[in-house]
Protein backbone atom coordinates (compact mmCIF):
# COMPACT_ATOMS: atom_id res chain seq x y z
CA MET A 1 -5.88 3.48 -53.53
CA GLU A 2 -6.36 0.27 -51.59
CA GLU A 3 -5.74 0.34 -47.84
CA SER A 4 -3.24 -2.16 -46.50
CA PRO A 5 -2.97 -3.72 -43.05
CA ASP A 6 0.20 -1.64 -42.53
CA THR A 7 -1.79 1.56 -43.06
CA TYR A 8 -4.34 0.51 -40.47
CA LEU A 9 -1.61 -0.58 -38.06
CA ALA A 10 0.05 2.84 -38.39
CA MET A 11 -3.30 4.50 -37.66
CA ILE A 12 -3.78 2.25 -34.63
CA GLU A 13 -0.35 3.25 -33.33
CA MET A 14 -1.19 6.94 -33.82
CA TYR A 15 -4.45 6.49 -31.90
CA ARG A 16 -2.62 4.68 -29.08
CA GLU A 17 -0.26 7.64 -28.75
CA GLN A 18 -3.28 9.95 -28.53
CA MET A 19 -4.71 7.73 -25.80
CA GLU A 20 -1.44 7.98 -23.86
CA ASN A 21 -1.58 11.77 -24.13
CA ILE A 22 -5.16 11.77 -22.89
CA GLU A 23 -4.15 9.56 -19.95
CA MET A 24 -1.36 12.01 -19.03
CA GLN A 25 -3.74 14.98 -19.27
CA SER A 26 -6.30 13.14 -17.14
CA THR A 27 -3.69 12.35 -14.48
CA TYR A 28 -2.62 15.99 -14.41
CA ILE A 29 -6.22 17.22 -14.09
CA LYS A 30 -6.94 14.72 -11.31
CA ALA A 31 -3.90 16.01 -9.40
CA ILE A 32 -5.14 19.59 -9.71
CA ILE A 33 -8.63 18.55 -8.56
CA ASP A 34 -7.07 16.80 -5.54
CA ASP A 35 -5.13 19.98 -4.76
CA TYR A 36 -8.30 22.10 -4.91
CA VAL A 37 -10.21 19.61 -2.75
CA LYS A 38 -7.41 19.75 -0.13
CA ALA A 39 -7.49 23.55 -0.22
CA LYS A 40 -11.26 23.54 0.28
CA LEU A 41 -10.93 21.13 3.21
CA THR A 42 -8.26 23.36 4.73
CA ILE A 43 -10.55 26.39 4.40
CA GLU A 44 -13.37 24.45 6.07
CA ASN A 45 -11.02 23.59 8.94
CA LEU A 46 -9.94 27.23 9.20
CA GLU A 47 -13.60 28.25 9.51
CA LYS A 48 -13.83 26.13 12.65
CA ARG A 49 -11.00 27.91 14.45
CA GLU A 50 -10.88 31.57 15.34
CA LYS A 51 -7.15 31.86 16.00
CA GLY A 52 -4.29 29.81 17.28
CA GLU A 53 -1.44 27.75 15.92
CA ILE A 54 -1.72 26.01 12.58
CA LEU A 55 0.68 23.93 10.48
CA ILE A 56 1.52 25.23 7.03
CA PRO A 57 2.67 22.64 4.48
CA ILE A 58 5.77 23.76 2.57
CA GLY A 59 6.17 20.58 0.50
CA GLY A 60 7.87 17.25 0.85
CA GLY A 61 5.79 16.37 3.90
CA VAL A 62 7.33 19.28 5.87
CA PHE A 63 5.14 21.67 7.89
CA VAL A 64 5.91 24.98 9.55
CA PRO A 65 3.99 25.96 12.69
CA ALA A 66 2.45 29.43 12.47
CA LYS A 67 0.24 31.59 14.63
CA CYS A 68 -2.98 32.50 12.93
CA GLU A 69 -4.66 35.66 14.20
CA ASP A 70 -7.27 36.23 11.46
CA VAL A 71 -8.66 33.47 9.27
CA SER A 72 -11.59 35.37 7.82
CA LYS A 73 -9.85 36.11 4.50
CA VAL A 74 -7.55 34.14 2.19
CA LEU A 75 -5.67 34.95 -0.99
CA VAL A 76 -6.99 33.09 -4.03
CA SER A 77 -5.09 32.77 -7.29
CA GLU A 78 -7.29 33.60 -10.24
CA GLY A 79 -4.63 32.75 -12.83
CA ALA A 80 -2.31 34.94 -14.90
CA ASP A 81 -0.48 36.06 -11.73
CA ILE A 82 -3.67 37.57 -10.30
CA VAL A 83 -4.40 36.98 -6.61
CA ILE A 84 -7.58 38.21 -4.96
CA LYS A 85 -8.37 38.46 -1.25
CA LYS A 86 -11.64 36.66 -0.56
CA ASP A 87 -13.61 35.68 2.47
CA LEU A 88 -13.73 31.96 3.19
CA LYS A 89 -17.16 31.43 1.66
CA ASP A 90 -16.17 33.09 -1.62
CA ALA A 91 -12.89 31.18 -1.68
CA LYS A 92 -14.73 27.86 -1.32
CA GLU A 93 -17.15 28.87 -4.09
CA SER A 94 -14.22 29.74 -6.33
CA LEU A 95 -12.62 26.36 -5.62
CA ASP A 96 -15.93 24.62 -6.32
CA ARG A 97 -16.19 26.37 -9.70
CA ASN A 98 -12.64 25.32 -10.56
CA ILE A 99 -13.29 21.74 -9.46
CA ASN A 100 -16.50 21.56 -11.50
CA ALA A 101 -14.80 22.96 -14.62
CA LEU A 102 -11.93 20.47 -14.29
CA GLN A 103 -14.34 17.59 -13.73
CA GLU A 104 -16.14 18.59 -16.94
CA ASN A 105 -12.78 18.63 -18.78
CA LEU A 106 -12.03 15.20 -17.35
CA LYS A 107 -15.40 13.92 -18.54
CA GLN A 108 -14.70 15.21 -22.06
CA LEU A 109 -11.25 13.60 -22.06
CA ASN A 110 -12.79 10.29 -20.97
CA GLU A 111 -15.34 10.49 -23.79
CA MET A 112 -12.58 11.24 -26.29
CA TYR A 113 -10.55 8.32 -24.93
CA GLN A 114 -13.54 6.00 -25.38
CA ARG A 115 -14.13 7.19 -28.97
CA ILE A 116 -10.48 6.56 -29.83
CA GLN A 117 -10.59 3.15 -28.18
CA ASN A 118 -13.68 2.27 -30.25
CA ARG A 119 -11.91 3.42 -33.42
CA ILE A 120 -8.89 1.25 -32.58
CA GLU A 121 -11.20 -1.75 -32.20
CA GLU A 122 -12.77 -1.03 -35.60
CA LEU A 123 -9.38 -0.73 -37.28
CA SER A 124 -8.10 -3.87 -35.54
CA GLU A 125 -11.10 -5.78 -36.86
CA LYS A 126 -10.39 -4.54 -40.41
CA VAL A 127 -6.78 -5.70 -40.10
CA ARG A 128 -7.93 -9.14 -38.89
CA GLU A 129 -10.34 -9.39 -41.82
CA MET A 130 -7.67 -8.34 -44.34
CA VAL A 131 -5.12 -10.78 -42.95
CA GLY A 132 -7.76 -13.54 -42.91
CA GLU A 133 -8.61 -12.87 -46.59
CA ARG A 134 -4.97 -13.16 -47.60
CA LYS A 135 -4.62 -16.51 -45.87
CA GLY A 136 -7.81 -17.87 -47.40
């Protein structure tokens, strides 16, 4: 069966949709990484203060003032509705592991994106050649 330009164009469209999905996944992962980085920064700031008043973000740019008596432990979500009390050092290490794993996922997504982009270029070149042959 001979391939037609329409077949290649349909494949190109399918690959473009995959690229859009990868872009959405990458954006989502970057947002999670940013969230973890902010949490780590907050923990580092908590380490610097023994007690006193802090501002707790509740979303939408709104903060609630709170008195903080003990900042030696925090609750860390480990997924699947599991929360573990950890000291600040362990919490930062946990965040670092999560950040590193997500950065590795992001790297793999970027590599996949690049492979798909290369494949689109190959298919586009085939379409150009086929259309050029028909004209000639």
